[in-house]
PDB file of N, CA and C in Angstrom:
ATOM      1  N   MET A   1     -41.757  12.450 -60.013  1.00  0.00           N
ATOM      2  CA  MET A   1     -39.796  12.439 -61.089  1.00  0.00           C
ATOM      3  C   MET A   1     -40.183  11.656 -61.590  1.00  0.00           C
ATOM      4  N   GLU A   2     -39.557  11.859 -62.142  1.00  0.00           N
ATOM      5  CA  GLU A   2     -39.631  10.272 -63.647  1.00  0.00           C
ATOM      6  C   GLU A   2     -38.607   9.053 -62.742  1.00  0.00           C
ATOM      7  N   ALA A   3     -38.494   7.892 -63.241  1.00  0.00           N
ATOM      8  CA  ALA A   3     -38.445   7.222 -62.587  1.00  0.00           C
ATOM      9  C   ALA A   3     -36.299   7.519 -63.126  1.00  0.00           C
ATOM     10  N   GLU A   4     -36.251   7.728 -64.284  1.00  0.00           N
ATOM     11  CA  GLU A   4     -34.844   8.409 -64.685  1.00  0.00           C
ATOM     12  C   GLU A   4     -34.198   9.042 -63.907  1.00  0.00           C
ATOM     13  N   ALA A   5     -35.376  10.029 -63.935  1.00  0.00           N
ATOM     14  CA  ALA A   5     -34.260  11.234 -62.828  1.00  0.00           C
ATOM     15  C   ALA A   5     -34.588  10.990 -61.528  1.00  0.00           C
ATOM     16  N   ALA A   6     -35.055  10.035 -60.388  1.00  0.00           N
ATOM     17  CA  ALA A   6     -33.791   9.796 -59.490  1.00  0.00           C
ATOM     18  C   ALA A   6     -32.996   8.270 -59.933  1.00  0.00           C
ATOM     19  N   LYS A   7     -33.091   7.761 -60.371  1.00  0.00           N
ATOM     20  CA  LYS A   7     -31.819   6.637 -60.752  1.00  0.00           C
ATOM     21  C   LYS A   7     -30.862   7.783 -60.463  1.00  0.00           C
ATOM     22  N   LEU A   8     -30.842   8.474 -61.272  1.00  0.00           N
ATOM     23  CA  LEU A   8     -29.667   9.694 -60.931  1.00  0.00           C
ATOM     24  C   LEU A   8     -29.161  10.507 -60.270  1.00  0.00           C
ATOM     25  N   ILE A   9     -30.865  10.973 -59.749  1.00  0.00           N
ATOM     26  CA  ILE A   9     -29.879  11.481 -58.308  1.00  0.00           C
ATOM     27  C   ILE A   9     -29.886  10.544 -57.312  1.00  0.00           C
ATOM     28  N   GLY A  10     -30.026   9.272 -57.644  1.00  0.00           N
ATOM     29  CA  GLY A  10     -30.064   8.556 -56.540  1.00  0.00           C
ATOM     30  C   GLY A  10     -27.953   8.238 -56.921  1.00  0.00           C
ATOM     31  N   ALA A  11     -27.807   7.771 -57.560  1.00  0.00           N
ATOM     32  CA  ALA A  11     -26.275   7.356 -57.959  1.00  0.00           C
ATOM     33  C   ALA A  11     -25.420   8.573 -57.413  1.00  0.00           C
ATOM     34  N   GLY A  12     -25.804  10.048 -57.517  1.00  0.00           N
ATOM     35  CA  GLY A  12     -25.256  11.125 -57.576  1.00  0.00           C
ATOM     36  C   GLY A  12     -24.756  10.506 -55.806  1.00  0.00           C
ATOM     37  N   LEU A  13     -26.368  10.462 -55.012  1.00  0.00           N
ATOM     38  CA  LEU A  13     -26.224  10.517 -53.488  1.00  0.00           C
ATOM     39  C   LEU A  13     -25.369   9.690 -53.151  1.00  0.00           C
ATOM     40  N   ALA A  14     -25.461   8.435 -54.227  1.00  0.00           N
ATOM     41  CA  ALA A  14     -24.040   7.681 -53.550  1.00  0.00           C
ATOM     42  C   ALA A  14     -22.884   8.048 -53.790  1.00  0.00           C
ATOM     43  N   THR A  15     -22.059   8.540 -54.658  1.00  0.00           N
ATOM     44  CA  THR A  15     -20.794   9.043 -54.838  1.00  0.00           C
ATOM     45  C   THR A  15     -20.621  10.408 -54.243  1.00  0.00           C
ATOM     46  N   ILE A  16     -21.242  10.631 -52.917  1.00  0.00           N
ATOM     47  CA  ILE A  16     -20.791  11.724 -51.925  1.00  0.00           C
ATOM     48  C   ILE A  16     -19.872  10.765 -51.087  1.00  0.00           C
ATOM     49  N   ALA A  17     -20.075   9.711 -51.182  1.00  0.00           N
ATOM     50  CA  ALA A  17     -18.952   8.902 -50.118  1.00  0.00           C
ATOM     51  C   ALA A  17     -17.993   8.916 -50.541  1.00  0.00           C
ATOM     52  N   LEU A  18     -17.215   9.487 -51.577  1.00  0.00           N
ATOM     53  CA  LEU A  18     -15.794   9.656 -52.382  1.00  0.00           C
ATOM     54  C   LEU A  18     -15.541  10.846 -51.663  1.00  0.00           C
ATOM     55  N   ALA A  19     -15.851  11.708 -51.286  1.00  0.00           N
ATOM     56  CA  ALA A  19     -15.402  13.147 -50.643  1.00  0.00           C
ATOM     57  C   ALA A  19     -15.023  12.308 -49.247  1.00  0.00           C
ATOM     58  N   GLY A  20     -15.995  11.350 -48.325  1.00  0.00           N
ATOM     59  CA  GLY A  20     -15.470  11.490 -47.311  1.00  0.00           C
ATOM     60  C   GLY A  20     -14.137  10.153 -47.217  1.00  0.00           C
ATOM     61  N   VAL A  21     -14.216   9.745 -48.759  1.00  0.00           N
ATOM     62  CA  VAL A  21     -12.924   8.457 -48.791  1.00  0.00           C
ATOM     63  C   VAL A  21     -11.592   9.395 -49.161  1.00  0.00           C
ATOM     64  N   GLY A  22     -11.481  11.377 -49.724  1.00  0.00           N
ATOM     65  CA  GLY A  22     -10.333  11.471 -50.630  1.00  0.00           C
ATOM     66  C   GLY A  22     -10.446  12.269 -48.947  1.00  0.00           C
ATOM     67  N   ILE A  23     -11.029  12.917 -48.043  1.00  0.00           N
ATOM     68  CA  ILE A  23     -10.904  13.382 -47.203  1.00  0.00           C
ATOM     69  C   ILE A  23     -10.100  11.817 -46.222  1.00  0.00           C
ATOM     70  N   GLY A  24     -10.028  10.858 -46.043  1.00  0.00           N
ATOM     71  CA  GLY A  24      -9.670   9.953 -45.348  1.00  0.00           C
ATOM     72  C   GLY A  24      -8.736   9.317 -45.878  1.00  0.00           C
ATOM     73  N   ILE A  25      -7.895   9.237 -46.737  1.00  0.00           N
ATOM     74  CA  ILE A  25      -7.085   9.202 -47.712  1.00  0.00           C
ATOM     75  C   ILE A  25      -5.759  10.447 -46.442  1.00  0.00           C
ATOM     76  N   GLY A  26      -6.630  11.673 -46.729  1.00  0.00           N
ATOM     77  CA  GLY A  26      -6.077  12.346 -47.320  1.00  0.00           C
ATOM     78  C   GLY A  26      -5.459  12.331 -45.024  1.00  0.00           C
ATOM     79  N   ASN A  27      -6.102  12.045 -44.072  1.00  0.00           N
ATOM     80  CA  ASN A  27      -5.585  12.121 -43.090  1.00  0.00           C
ATOM     81  C   ASN A  27      -4.808  11.175 -43.158  1.00  0.00           C
ATOM     82  N   ILE A  28      -5.045  10.006 -43.370  1.00  0.00           N
ATOM     83  CA  ILE A  28      -3.859   8.758 -43.415  1.00  0.00           C
ATOM     84  C   ILE A  28      -2.820   9.184 -43.568  1.00  0.00           C
ATOM     85  N   PHE A  29      -2.310   9.544 -44.723  1.00  0.00           N
ATOM     86  CA  PHE A  29      -1.357   9.586 -45.587  1.00  0.00           C
ATOM     87  C   PHE A  29      -0.377  11.129 -44.575  1.00  0.00           C
ATOM     88  N   GLY A  30      -0.978  12.075 -44.334  1.00  0.00           N
ATOM     89  CA  GLY A  30      -1.021  13.457 -43.841  1.00  0.00           C
ATOM     90  C   GLY A  30      -0.214  12.953 -42.495  1.00  0.00           C
ATOM     91  N   ASN A  31      -0.814  12.183 -41.618  1.00  0.00           N
ATOM     92  CA  ASN A  31      -0.453  12.064 -40.300  1.00  0.00           C
ATOM     93  C   ASN A  31       0.547  10.336 -40.350  1.00  0.00           C
ATOM     94  N   PHE A  32       0.435  10.013 -41.486  1.00  0.00           N
ATOM     95  CA  PHE A  32       1.477   8.967 -41.319  1.00  0.00           C
ATOM     96  C   PHE A  32       3.112   9.960 -42.068  1.00  0.00           C
ATOM     97  N   ILE A  33       3.104  10.660 -42.586  1.00  0.00           N
ATOM     98  CA  ILE A  33       4.231  12.146 -43.073  1.00  0.00           C
ATOM     99  C   ILE A  33       4.813  12.632 -41.503  1.00  0.00           C
ATOM    100  N   ALA A  34       3.615  13.123 -41.559  1.00  0.00           N
ATOM    101  CA  ALA A  34       4.165  13.981 -39.886  1.00  0.00           C
ATOM    102  C   ALA A  34       4.823  12.978 -39.149  1.00  0.00           C
ATOM    103  N   GLY A  35       4.163  11.597 -38.721  1.00  0.00           N
ATOM    104  CA  GLY A  35       5.005  11.385 -37.610  1.00  0.00           C
ATOM    105  C   GLY A  35       5.943  10.889 -38.121  1.00  0.00           C
ATOM    106  N   SER A  36       6.508  10.210 -39.390  1.00  0.00           N
ATOM    107  CA  SER A  36       7.373   9.687 -39.733  1.00  0.00           C
ATOM    108  C   SER A  36       8.881  10.589 -39.921  1.00  0.00           C
ATOM    109  N   MET A  37       7.869  12.240 -39.953  1.00  0.00           N
ATOM    110  CA  MET A  37       8.926  13.299 -39.835  1.00  0.00           C
ATOM    111  C   MET A  37       9.862  13.251 -38.464  1.00  0.00           C
ATOM    112  N   ARG A  38       8.593  13.036 -37.195  1.00  0.00           N
ATOM    113  CA  ARG A  38       9.252  13.112 -35.881  1.00  0.00           C
ATOM    114  C   ARG A  38       9.937  12.021 -34.963  1.00  0.00           C
ATOM    115  N   ASN A  39       9.792  11.049 -35.697  1.00  0.00           N
ATOM    116  CA  ASN A  39      10.460   9.365 -35.718  1.00  0.00           C
ATOM    117  C   ASN A  39      10.323   9.119 -36.683  1.00  0.00           C
ATOM    118  N   PRO A  40      11.742   9.668 -37.765  1.00  0.00           N
ATOM    119  CA  PRO A  40      12.394   8.064 -38.799  1.00  0.00           C
ATOM    120  C   PRO A  40      12.230   6.586 -38.368  1.00  0.00           C
ATOM    121  N   ALA A  41      12.482   6.487 -37.557  1.00  0.00           N
ATOM    122  CA  ALA A  41      13.252   5.211 -36.747  1.00  0.00           C
ATOM    123  C   ALA A  41      11.783   4.487 -36.645  1.00  0.00           C
ATOM    124  N   ALA A  42      10.811   4.957 -36.334  1.00  0.00           N
ATOM    125  CA  ALA A  42       9.483   4.461 -36.072  1.00  0.00           C
ATOM    126  C   ALA A  42       8.404   4.086 -37.480  1.00  0.00           C
ATOM    127  N   ALA A  43       9.081   4.932 -38.964  1.00  0.00           N
ATOM    128  CA  ALA A  43       8.318   5.174 -39.706  1.00  0.00           C
ATOM    129  C   ALA A  43       8.254   3.499 -40.462  1.00  0.00           C
ATOM    130  N   PRO A  44       9.502   2.451 -40.415  1.00  0.00           N
ATOM    131  CA  PRO A  44       8.875   0.949 -40.958  1.00  0.00           C
ATOM    132  C   PRO A  44       8.250   0.050 -40.654  1.00  0.00           C
ATOM    133  N   LYS A  45       7.839   0.811 -39.476  1.00  0.00           N
ATOM    134  CA  LYS A  45       7.286  -0.119 -38.343  1.00  0.00           C
ATOM    135  C   LYS A  45       5.623   0.132 -38.218  1.00  0.00           C
ATOM    136  N   VAL A  46       5.533   1.447 -38.505  1.00  0.00           N
ATOM    137  CA  VAL A  46       3.748   1.437 -38.943  1.00  0.00           C
ATOM    138  C   VAL A  46       2.804   1.533 -40.674  1.00  0.00           C
ATOM    139  N   PHE A  47       4.550   1.791 -41.369  1.00  0.00           N
ATOM    140  CA  PHE A  47       3.658   1.363 -42.096  1.00  0.00           C
ATOM    141  C   PHE A  47       3.082   0.476 -43.356  1.00  0.00           C
ATOM    142  N   GLY A  48       3.361  -0.015 -41.954  1.00  0.00           N
ATOM    143  CA  GLY A  48       1.567  -2.056 -42.832  1.00  0.00           C
ATOM    144  C   GLY A  48       0.399  -1.483 -41.984  1.00  0.00           C
ATOM    145  N   ASN A  49       0.509  -0.902 -41.314  1.00  0.00           N
ATOM    146  CA  ASN A  49      -1.113  -0.607 -40.671  1.00  0.00           C
ATOM    147  C   ASN A  49      -1.254   1.045 -41.764  1.00  0.00           C
ATOM    148  N   VAL A  50      -0.630   1.428 -41.772  1.00  0.00           N
ATOM    149  CA  VAL A  50      -0.834   2.286 -43.143  1.00  0.00           C
ATOM    150  C   VAL A  50      -1.840   1.774 -44.296  1.00  0.00           C
ATOM    151  N   LEU A  51      -0.721   1.054 -44.904  1.00  0.00           N
ATOM    152  CA  LEU A  51      -0.854   0.650 -46.288  1.00  0.00           C
ATOM    153  C   LEU A  51      -2.614  -0.227 -45.597  1.00  0.00           C
ATOM    154  N   LEU A  52      -2.675  -1.057 -44.113  1.00  0.00           N
ATOM    155  CA  LEU A  52      -3.972  -1.074 -43.600  1.00  0.00           C
ATOM    156  C   LEU A  52      -4.704  -0.088 -43.827  1.00  0.00           C
ATOM    157  N   GLY A  53      -5.117   0.499 -43.268  1.00  0.00           N
ATOM    158  CA  GLY A  53      -6.084   2.007 -43.662  1.00  0.00           C
ATOM    159  C   GLY A  53      -6.291   2.758 -44.591  1.00  0.00           C
ATOM    160  N   PHE A  54      -4.991   2.281 -45.382  1.00  0.00           N
ATOM    161  CA  PHE A  54      -5.854   2.340 -47.352  1.00  0.00           C
ATOM    162  C   PHE A  54      -6.464   1.619 -47.135  1.00  0.00           C
ATOM    163  N   ALA A  55      -6.148   1.031 -47.197  1.00  0.00           N
ATOM    164  CA  ALA A  55      -7.168   0.122 -48.214  1.00  0.00           C
ATOM    165  C   ALA A  55      -8.630  -0.359 -47.826  1.00  0.00           C
ATOM    166  N   LEU A  56      -8.435  -0.009 -46.314  1.00  0.00           N
ATOM    167  CA  LEU A  56      -9.545  -0.148 -46.336  1.00  0.00           C
ATOM    168  C   LEU A  56     -10.628   1.054 -46.518  1.00  0.00           C
ATOM    169  N   VAL A  57     -10.270   2.397 -46.715  1.00  0.00           N
ATOM    170  CA  VAL A  57     -11.357   3.302 -46.211  1.00  0.00           C
ATOM    171  C   VAL A  57     -11.350   3.095 -48.661  1.00  0.00           C
ATOM    172  N   GLU A  58      -9.898   2.748 -48.994  1.00  0.00           N
ATOM    173  CA  GLU A  58     -10.241   2.612 -50.501  1.00  0.00           C
ATOM    174  C   GLU A  58     -11.754   1.188 -50.627  1.00  0.00           C
ATOM    175  N   ALA A  59     -11.237   0.486 -49.852  1.00  0.00           N
ATOM    176  CA  ALA A  59     -12.342  -0.339 -50.674  1.00  0.00           C
ATOM    177  C   ALA A  59     -13.981   0.525 -50.017  1.00  0.00           C
ATOM    178  N   ILE A  60     -14.645   1.810 -49.119  1.00  0.00           N
ATOM    179  CA  ILE A  60     -15.087   1.957 -48.953  1.00  0.00           C
ATOM    180  C   ILE A  60     -15.640   2.762 -50.616  1.00  0.00           C
ATOM    181  N   ALA A  61     -14.713   3.508 -50.853  1.00  0.00           N
ATOM    182  CA  ALA A  61     -14.857   4.071 -52.661  1.00  0.00           C
ATOM    183  C   ALA A  61     -15.000   3.590 -53.094  1.00  0.00           C
ATOM    184  N   LEU A  62     -14.939   1.808 -53.710  1.00  0.00           N
ATOM    185  CA  LEU A  62     -14.922   1.143 -54.539  1.00  0.00           C
ATOM    186  C   LEU A  62     -17.079   0.720 -54.325  1.00  0.00           C
ATOM    187  N   PHE A  63     -16.817   0.124 -52.634  1.00  0.00           N
ATOM    188  CA  PHE A  63     -17.924  -0.239 -52.224  1.00  0.00           C
ATOM    189  C   PHE A  63     -19.619   1.400 -53.056  1.00  0.00           C
ATOM    190  N   ALA A  64     -18.839   2.319 -52.447  1.00  0.00           N
ATOM    191  CA  ALA A  64     -19.661   3.253 -53.298  1.00  0.00           C
ATOM    192  C   ALA A  64     -20.081   3.527 -54.515  1.00  0.00           C
ATOM    193  N   LEU A  65     -18.929   2.885 -55.395  1.00  0.00           N
ATOM    194  CA  LEU A  65     -19.401   2.859 -57.042  1.00  0.00           C
ATOM    195  C   LEU A  65     -19.764   2.177 -57.408  1.00  0.00           C
ATOM    196  N   VAL A  66     -19.777   1.161 -56.418  1.00  0.00           N
ATOM    197  CA  VAL A  66     -20.275  -0.390 -57.126  1.00  0.00           C
ATOM    198  C   VAL A  66     -22.027  -0.031 -56.840  1.00  0.00           C
ATOM    199  N   ILE A  67     -22.326   0.388 -55.528  1.00  0.00           N
ATOM    200  CA  ILE A  67     -23.590   1.250 -55.546  1.00  0.00           C
ATOM    201  C   ILE A  67     -24.380   1.584 -56.723  1.00  0.00           C
ATOM    202  N   ALA A  68     -23.646   2.894 -56.836  1.00  0.00           N
ATOM    203  CA  ALA A  68     -24.018   4.509 -57.532  1.00  0.00           C
ATOM    204  C   ALA A  68     -24.269   3.695 -58.929  1.00  0.00           C
ATOM    205  N   MET A  69     -23.368   2.173 -59.153  1.00  0.00           N
ATOM    206  CA  MET A  69     -22.968   1.456 -60.973  1.00  0.00           C
ATOM    207  C   MET A  69     -24.657   0.616 -60.706  1.00  0.00           C
ATOM    208  N   LEU A  70     -25.773   0.091 -59.928  1.00  0.00           N
ATOM    209  CA  LEU A  70     -26.402  -0.539 -59.671  1.00  0.00           C
ATOM    210  C   LEU A  70     -27.235   0.393 -59.804  1.00  0.00           C
ATOM    211  N   ILE A  71     -27.595   1.408 -58.929  1.00  0.00           N
ATOM    212  CA  ILE A  71     -28.470   2.110 -59.248  1.00  0.00           C
ATOM    213  C   ILE A  71     -28.778   2.399 -60.632  1.00  0.00           C
ATOM    214  N   LEU A  72     -27.390   3.035 -61.360  1.00  0.00           N
ATOM    215  CA  LEU A  72     -27.406   2.956 -62.895  1.00  0.00           C
ATOM    216  C   LEU A  72     -28.103   2.716 -63.844  1.00  0.00           C
ATOM    217  N   PHE A  73     -27.650   1.180 -63.709  1.00  0.00           N
ATOM    218  CA  PHE A  73     -28.042   0.305 -64.283  1.00  0.00           C
ATOM    219  C   PHE A  73     -28.746  -0.605 -64.246  1.00  0.00           C
ATOM    220  N   VAL A  74     -29.023  -1.256 -63.352  1.00  0.00           N
ATOM    221  CA  VAL A  74     -30.017  -2.232 -62.682  1.00  0.00           C
ATOM    222  C   VAL A  74     -31.050  -2.152 -62.743  1.00  0.00           C
ATOM    223  N   PHE A  75     -31.660  -0.658 -61.431  1.00  0.00           N
ATOM    224  CA  PHE A  75     -32.400  -0.849 -61.283  1.00  0.00           C
ATOM    225  C   PHE A  75     -33.397   0.034 -62.351  1.00  0.00           C
TER     226      PHE A  75
END
């Protein structure tokens, strides 16, 4: 296999993590909305935790994109 083809395959595999990130963000906000509909008084109290979870899941997406770009343009 040529090196250029291996780089493209590796970058594609590195971006598979983005599918997991999409599922994670959907779970976070879906469960928050379901919980806030059941108990609207508690929604403001847990919103900070929701944002923290969103930030941590989104960081995984950024790491995956950085790895993909490193594979494509550095190696």
